[in-house]
Amino acid sequence: MHTPVLDHPENDAPPAAGQAVSLPLIVAFLIWPLIVAGVACLFMHRYMQTEIDTELSLRPRVAILDTHQFVEQQPTTLSPDDRLKAGFKKANETSKRLQDAGFLILDRGQVLSAPAGLQVPSAAK
C-alpha cells in the first residue's frame, strides 16, 4: 500500500528559514515556563510559611512587666504598705493572665532595653 505524501515523515521537517512558525507553538514556549515558575513559587511559599510558623511556635511571646508602675497606680489614700500589697497583687494577677496566654514575663528591673511594644501597661485589666 502506498503512503500518502502528506503523512510521510519527511514532511514533518522544521520550517525553512523565512517560513512562519505556528502561533500555538510560540505561545506554548512562552507560557509554559511561566506556568511552571508560578507553580514552583506557590509551593515554595507554602513550604517557607510552614517553616516560619513552626519556628515561631517554638518561641514564646515576651512581655515586660513593671511592678513599680502597678504600685504607683494604686490610690494614694491607701497606706504605703497597702499600696505596695495592692500593687504587687495587681502585678501578679496580670502576670498570671499573661502566663496562661503563653507569654514569657520579664521584670522591667532586669531588662536593660526593649521595644516599647513589649511593655505591659499598668492599667491593663
N, C-alpha and C. Protein backbone atom coordinates (compact mmCIF):
# COMPACT_ATOMS: atom_id res chain seq x y z
N MET A 1 0.83 -1.17 0.00
CA MET A 1 0.00 0.00 0.00
C MET A 1 0.87 1.24 0.00
N HIS A 2 0.43 2.25 -0.60
CA HIS A 2 1.22 3.46 -0.77
C HIS A 2 0.84 4.50 0.30
N THR A 3 1.84 5.10 0.96
CA THR A 3 1.60 6.13 1.98
C THR A 3 1.34 7.45 1.29
N PRO A 4 0.27 8.17 1.70
CA PRO A 4 0.03 9.48 1.08
C PRO A 4 1.18 10.42 1.37
N VAL A 5 1.40 11.35 0.52
CA VAL A 5 2.52 12.29 0.62
C VAL A 5 2.40 13.16 1.86
N LEU A 6 1.21 13.55 2.26
CA LEU A 6 1.05 14.43 3.41
C LEU A 6 1.41 13.76 4.72
N ASP A 7 1.23 12.45 4.85
CA ASP A 7 1.52 11.74 6.09
C ASP A 7 2.94 11.18 6.12
N HIS A 8 3.74 11.48 5.17
CA HIS A 8 5.09 10.95 5.10
C HIS A 8 5.99 11.64 6.12
N PRO A 9 6.88 10.91 6.84
CA PRO A 9 7.74 11.50 7.87
C PRO A 9 8.63 12.62 7.35
N GLU A 10 8.97 12.63 6.13
CA GLU A 10 9.83 13.70 5.60
C GLU A 10 9.11 15.04 5.58
N ASN A 11 7.81 15.04 5.62
CA ASN A 11 7.05 16.29 5.61
C ASN A 11 6.96 16.92 7.00
N ASP A 12 7.46 16.27 8.08
CA ASP A 12 7.45 16.82 9.43
C ASP A 12 8.71 17.62 9.74
N ALA A 13 9.49 17.96 8.79
CA ALA A 13 10.73 18.71 8.99
C ALA A 13 10.39 20.12 9.48
N PRO A 14 11.32 20.75 10.23
CA PRO A 14 11.07 22.11 10.71
C PRO A 14 10.93 23.06 9.53
N PRO A 15 10.24 24.17 9.75
CA PRO A 15 10.06 25.12 8.66
C PRO A 15 11.39 25.71 8.21
N ALA A 16 11.47 25.98 6.99
CA ALA A 16 12.70 26.56 6.44
C ALA A 16 12.80 28.02 6.86
N ALA A 17 13.99 28.59 6.69
CA ALA A 17 14.23 29.98 7.05
C ALA A 17 13.26 30.87 6.29
N GLY A 18 12.66 31.80 7.02
CA GLY A 18 11.73 32.72 6.40
C GLY A 18 10.31 32.20 6.41
N GLN A 19 10.11 30.94 6.75
CA GLN A 19 8.77 30.38 6.78
C GLN A 19 8.19 30.60 8.18
N ALA A 20 6.92 30.94 8.31
CA ALA A 20 6.28 31.27 9.58
C ALA A 20 6.16 30.04 10.48
N VAL A 21 6.38 30.26 11.79
CA VAL A 21 6.19 29.22 12.80
C VAL A 21 4.78 29.41 13.34
N SER A 22 4.11 28.32 13.65
CA SER A 22 2.72 28.42 14.09
C SER A 22 2.60 29.17 15.42
N LEU A 23 1.54 29.92 15.57
CA LEU A 23 1.29 30.72 16.77
C LEU A 23 1.12 29.86 18.02
N PRO A 24 0.41 28.73 18.00
CA PRO A 24 0.30 27.91 19.21
C PRO A 24 1.65 27.42 19.72
N LEU A 25 2.57 27.16 18.82
CA LEU A 25 3.90 26.70 19.23
C LEU A 25 4.64 27.81 19.96
N ILE A 26 4.55 29.02 19.46
CA ILE A 26 5.20 30.17 20.11
C ILE A 26 4.59 30.40 21.49
N VAL A 27 3.27 30.38 21.57
CA VAL A 27 2.59 30.59 22.84
C VAL A 27 2.99 29.51 23.85
N ALA A 28 3.06 28.28 23.41
CA ALA A 28 3.44 27.18 24.30
C ALA A 28 4.84 27.38 24.86
N PHE A 29 5.77 27.80 24.04
CA PHE A 29 7.15 28.00 24.50
C PHE A 29 7.29 29.22 25.41
N LEU A 30 6.40 30.20 25.28
CA LEU A 30 6.47 31.38 26.13
C LEU A 30 5.68 31.21 27.43
N ILE A 31 4.53 30.59 27.38
CA ILE A 31 3.66 30.47 28.54
C ILE A 31 4.05 29.32 29.46
N TRP A 32 4.48 28.21 28.91
CA TRP A 32 4.80 27.04 29.73
C TRP A 32 5.84 27.33 30.83
N PRO A 33 6.95 28.01 30.55
CA PRO A 33 7.90 28.31 31.64
C PRO A 33 7.28 29.21 32.72
N LEU A 34 6.40 30.13 32.32
CA LEU A 34 5.76 30.99 33.32
C LEU A 34 4.83 30.18 34.23
N ILE A 35 4.12 29.24 33.68
CA ILE A 35 3.24 28.40 34.48
C ILE A 35 4.05 27.54 35.44
N VAL A 36 5.12 26.95 34.96
CA VAL A 36 5.97 26.11 35.81
C VAL A 36 6.59 26.95 36.93
N ALA A 37 7.08 28.15 36.60
CA ALA A 37 7.68 29.02 37.61
C ALA A 37 6.64 29.45 38.64
N GLY A 38 5.43 29.77 38.21
CA GLY A 38 4.37 30.17 39.14
C GLY A 38 4.01 29.06 40.10
N VAL A 39 3.88 27.85 39.60
CA VAL A 39 3.55 26.71 40.47
C VAL A 39 4.70 26.45 41.45
N ALA A 40 5.93 26.54 40.98
CA ALA A 40 7.09 26.34 41.86
C ALA A 40 7.12 27.40 42.96
N CYS A 41 6.83 28.65 42.61
CA CYS A 41 6.81 29.72 43.62
C CYS A 41 5.71 29.49 44.65
N LEU A 42 4.57 29.03 44.21
CA LEU A 42 3.46 28.75 45.13
C LEU A 42 3.86 27.67 46.13
N PHE A 43 4.42 26.59 45.65
CA PHE A 43 4.83 25.52 46.57
C PHE A 43 5.96 25.98 47.50
N MET A 44 6.89 26.78 47.01
CA MET A 44 7.98 27.28 47.85
C MET A 44 7.44 28.22 48.92
N HIS A 45 6.47 29.06 48.56
CA HIS A 45 5.87 29.97 49.54
C HIS A 45 5.18 29.19 50.65
N ARG A 46 4.42 28.17 50.28
CA ARG A 46 3.73 27.37 51.30
C ARG A 46 4.72 26.62 52.19
N TYR A 47 5.78 26.12 51.61
CA TYR A 47 6.81 25.42 52.39
C TYR A 47 7.48 26.38 53.37
N MET A 48 7.86 27.56 52.89
CA MET A 48 8.53 28.53 53.75
C MET A 48 7.59 29.03 54.85
N GLN A 49 6.32 29.24 54.54
CA GLN A 49 5.37 29.69 55.55
C GLN A 49 5.21 28.63 56.64
N THR A 50 5.20 27.37 56.26
CA THR A 50 5.12 26.29 57.24
C THR A 50 6.36 26.28 58.13
N GLU A 51 7.53 26.49 57.54
CA GLU A 51 8.77 26.53 58.32
C GLU A 51 8.77 27.70 59.30
N ILE A 52 8.31 28.86 58.85
CA ILE A 52 8.27 30.05 59.71
C ILE A 52 7.28 29.84 60.84
N ASP A 53 6.10 29.30 60.55
CA ASP A 53 5.11 29.05 61.59
C ASP A 53 5.63 28.05 62.62
N THR A 54 6.32 27.03 62.17
CA THR A 54 6.90 26.05 63.10
C THR A 54 7.95 26.71 63.99
N GLU A 55 8.80 27.52 63.41
CA GLU A 55 9.84 28.20 64.18
C GLU A 55 9.24 29.16 65.20
N LEU A 56 8.23 29.91 64.81
CA LEU A 56 7.60 30.85 65.73
C LEU A 56 6.85 30.15 66.85
N SER A 57 6.31 28.99 66.58
CA SER A 57 5.59 28.28 67.63
C SER A 57 6.52 27.77 68.73
N LEU A 58 7.80 27.65 68.42
CA LEU A 58 8.77 27.20 69.42
C LEU A 58 9.25 28.33 70.33
N ARG A 59 8.99 29.57 69.92
CA ARG A 59 9.45 30.72 70.70
C ARG A 59 8.25 31.38 71.39
N PRO A 60 8.34 31.57 72.71
CA PRO A 60 7.20 32.20 73.40
C PRO A 60 7.16 33.70 73.12
N ARG A 61 5.96 34.25 73.24
CA ARG A 61 5.83 35.71 73.17
C ARG A 61 6.39 36.28 74.46
N VAL A 62 6.87 37.50 74.41
CA VAL A 62 7.54 38.11 75.56
C VAL A 62 6.77 39.35 75.99
N ALA A 63 6.63 39.52 77.31
CA ALA A 63 6.03 40.74 77.87
C ALA A 63 6.90 41.20 79.03
N ILE A 64 7.04 42.51 79.15
CA ILE A 64 7.85 43.10 80.22
C ILE A 64 6.89 43.76 81.21
N LEU A 65 6.98 43.38 82.45
CA LEU A 65 6.07 43.84 83.49
C LEU A 65 6.83 44.76 84.44
N ASP A 66 6.33 45.98 84.62
CA ASP A 66 6.94 46.95 85.53
C ASP A 66 6.11 47.00 86.80
N THR A 67 6.54 46.29 87.82
CA THR A 67 5.80 46.21 89.07
C THR A 67 5.70 47.58 89.74
N HIS A 68 6.72 48.39 89.59
CA HIS A 68 6.72 49.73 90.17
C HIS A 68 5.53 50.55 89.65
N GLN A 69 5.24 50.44 88.38
CA GLN A 69 4.09 51.17 87.82
C GLN A 69 2.78 50.70 88.43
N PHE A 70 2.67 49.40 88.67
CA PHE A 70 1.44 48.88 89.28
C PHE A 70 1.27 49.44 90.70
N VAL A 71 2.36 49.57 91.43
CA VAL A 71 2.29 50.14 92.79
C VAL A 71 1.93 51.61 92.70
N GLU A 72 2.54 52.34 91.77
CA GLU A 72 2.28 53.78 91.63
C GLU A 72 0.84 54.07 91.22
N GLN A 73 0.19 53.16 90.54
CA GLN A 73 -1.19 53.36 90.08
C GLN A 73 -2.23 53.16 91.18
N GLN A 74 -1.83 52.67 92.32
CA GLN A 74 -2.77 52.45 93.41
C GLN A 74 -3.16 53.79 94.04
N PRO A 75 -4.36 53.86 94.59
CA PRO A 75 -4.83 55.13 95.18
C PRO A 75 -3.90 55.61 96.29
N THR A 76 -3.69 56.91 96.33
CA THR A 76 -2.81 57.49 97.35
C THR A 76 -3.50 57.54 98.71
N THR A 77 -4.78 57.26 98.75
CA THR A 77 -5.48 57.24 100.03
C THR A 77 -5.10 56.03 100.86
N LEU A 78 -4.52 55.02 100.23
CA LEU A 78 -4.09 53.83 100.96
C LEU A 78 -2.77 54.11 101.68
N SER A 79 -2.53 53.36 102.73
CA SER A 79 -1.24 53.47 103.42
C SER A 79 -0.16 52.92 102.49
N PRO A 80 1.10 53.33 102.69
CA PRO A 80 2.18 52.83 101.82
C PRO A 80 2.25 51.30 101.76
N ASP A 81 2.04 50.64 102.90
CA ASP A 81 2.06 49.17 102.89
C ASP A 81 0.91 48.60 102.08
N ASP A 82 -0.27 49.19 102.22
CA ASP A 82 -1.43 48.70 101.47
C ASP A 82 -1.27 48.97 99.97
N ARG A 83 -0.69 50.12 99.62
CA ARG A 83 -0.43 50.42 98.21
C ARG A 83 0.53 49.39 97.63
N LEU A 84 1.55 49.07 98.39
CA LEU A 84 2.55 48.09 97.94
C LEU A 84 1.90 46.72 97.75
N LYS A 85 1.11 46.29 98.73
CA LYS A 85 0.44 44.99 98.63
C LYS A 85 -0.53 44.96 97.45
N ALA A 86 -1.32 46.01 97.30
CA ALA A 86 -2.30 46.07 96.21
C ALA A 86 -1.61 46.10 94.85
N GLY A 87 -0.51 46.85 94.76
CA GLY A 87 0.24 46.92 93.51
C GLY A 87 0.85 45.59 93.13
N PHE A 88 1.45 44.91 94.09
CA PHE A 88 2.03 43.60 93.82
C PHE A 88 0.95 42.57 93.48
N LYS A 89 -0.20 42.67 94.16
CA LYS A 89 -1.30 41.75 93.86
C LYS A 89 -1.77 41.95 92.43
N LYS A 90 -1.95 43.21 92.02
CA LYS A 90 -2.39 43.50 90.66
C LYS A 90 -1.34 43.05 89.63
N ALA A 91 -0.06 43.27 89.92
CA ALA A 91 1.02 42.84 89.02
C ALA A 91 1.05 41.32 88.91
N ASN A 92 0.86 40.62 90.02
CA ASN A 92 0.85 39.15 89.99
C ASN A 92 -0.35 38.61 89.22
N GLU A 93 -1.51 39.25 89.37
CA GLU A 93 -2.70 38.82 88.61
C GLU A 93 -2.47 39.00 87.11
N THR A 94 -1.91 40.15 86.75
CA THR A 94 -1.62 40.42 85.34
C THR A 94 -0.59 39.43 84.81
N SER A 95 0.42 39.18 85.60
CA SER A 95 1.46 38.23 85.21
C SER A 95 0.88 36.83 85.00
N LYS A 96 0.00 36.43 85.86
CA LYS A 96 -0.63 35.10 85.76
C LYS A 96 -1.48 34.99 84.50
N ARG A 97 -2.25 36.04 84.19
CA ARG A 97 -3.08 36.03 82.98
C ARG A 97 -2.20 35.94 81.73
N LEU A 98 -1.11 36.70 81.71
CA LEU A 98 -0.21 36.65 80.56
C LEU A 98 0.48 35.29 80.45
N GLN A 99 0.87 34.74 81.58
CA GLN A 99 1.50 33.41 81.58
C GLN A 99 0.53 32.37 81.03
N ASP A 100 -0.73 32.43 81.45
CA ASP A 100 -1.74 31.49 80.95
C ASP A 100 -1.97 31.66 79.46
N ALA A 101 -1.73 32.87 78.93
CA ALA A 101 -1.88 33.12 77.50
C ALA A 101 -0.62 32.74 76.72
N GLY A 102 0.40 32.24 77.40
CA GLY A 102 1.60 31.75 76.71
C GLY A 102 2.74 32.74 76.63
N PHE A 103 2.72 33.78 77.43
CA PHE A 103 3.78 34.79 77.41
C PHE A 103 4.91 34.42 78.36
N LEU A 104 6.11 34.82 78.01
CA LEU A 104 7.25 34.79 78.91
C LEU A 104 7.28 36.17 79.56
N ILE A 105 7.23 36.24 80.89
CA ILE A 105 7.15 37.51 81.60
C ILE A 105 8.53 37.86 82.15
N LEU A 106 8.97 39.06 81.83
CA LEU A 106 10.24 39.57 82.36
C LEU A 106 9.96 40.78 83.24
N ASP A 107 10.72 40.92 84.32
CA ASP A 107 10.59 42.08 85.19
C ASP A 107 11.35 43.25 84.58
N ARG A 108 10.74 44.42 84.57
CA ARG A 108 11.35 45.61 83.96
C ARG A 108 12.70 45.94 84.61
N GLY A 109 12.85 45.66 85.87
CA GLY A 109 14.11 45.94 86.56
C GLY A 109 15.27 45.09 86.06
N GLN A 110 14.99 43.98 85.41
CA GLN A 110 16.03 43.08 84.92
C GLN A 110 16.31 43.25 83.43
N VAL A 111 15.55 44.12 82.76
CA VAL A 111 15.70 44.31 81.32
C VAL A 111 16.45 45.62 81.08
N LEU A 112 17.54 45.54 80.33
CA LEU A 112 18.31 46.75 80.04
C LEU A 112 17.61 47.63 79.01
N SER A 113 17.12 47.04 77.94
CA SER A 113 16.39 47.80 76.94
C SER A 113 15.49 46.85 76.16
N ALA A 114 14.40 47.41 75.66
CA ALA A 114 13.44 46.62 74.89
C ALA A 114 12.53 47.56 74.12
N PRO A 115 11.93 47.10 73.04
CA PRO A 115 10.97 47.93 72.32
C PRO A 115 9.77 48.26 73.21
N ALA A 116 9.19 49.42 72.99
CA ALA A 116 8.07 49.88 73.82
C ALA A 116 6.87 48.95 73.73
N GLY A 117 6.69 48.25 72.63
CA GLY A 117 5.55 47.38 72.45
C GLY A 117 5.54 46.16 73.38
N LEU A 118 6.66 45.85 73.99
CA LEU A 118 6.74 44.70 74.89
C LEU A 118 6.32 45.06 76.32
N GLN A 119 6.29 46.35 76.62
CA GLN A 119 5.95 46.81 77.97
C GLN A 119 4.46 46.62 78.23
N VAL A 120 4.13 45.98 79.34
CA VAL A 120 2.73 45.79 79.74
C VAL A 120 2.27 47.04 80.47
N PRO A 121 1.21 47.69 79.99
CA PRO A 121 0.72 48.89 80.70
C PRO A 121 0.12 48.51 82.05
N SER A 122 0.32 49.34 83.04
CA SER A 122 -0.15 49.04 84.37
C SER A 122 -1.67 49.15 84.47
N ALA A 123 -2.31 49.81 83.53
CA ALA A 123 -3.76 49.93 83.55
C ALA A 123 -4.43 48.74 82.88
N ALA A 124 -3.64 47.68 82.53
CA ALA A 124 -4.19 46.50 81.86
C ALA A 124 -5.18 45.81 82.78
N LYS A 125 -6.28 45.39 82.23
CA LYS A 125 -7.31 44.72 83.03
C LYS A 125 -7.17 43.22 82.91
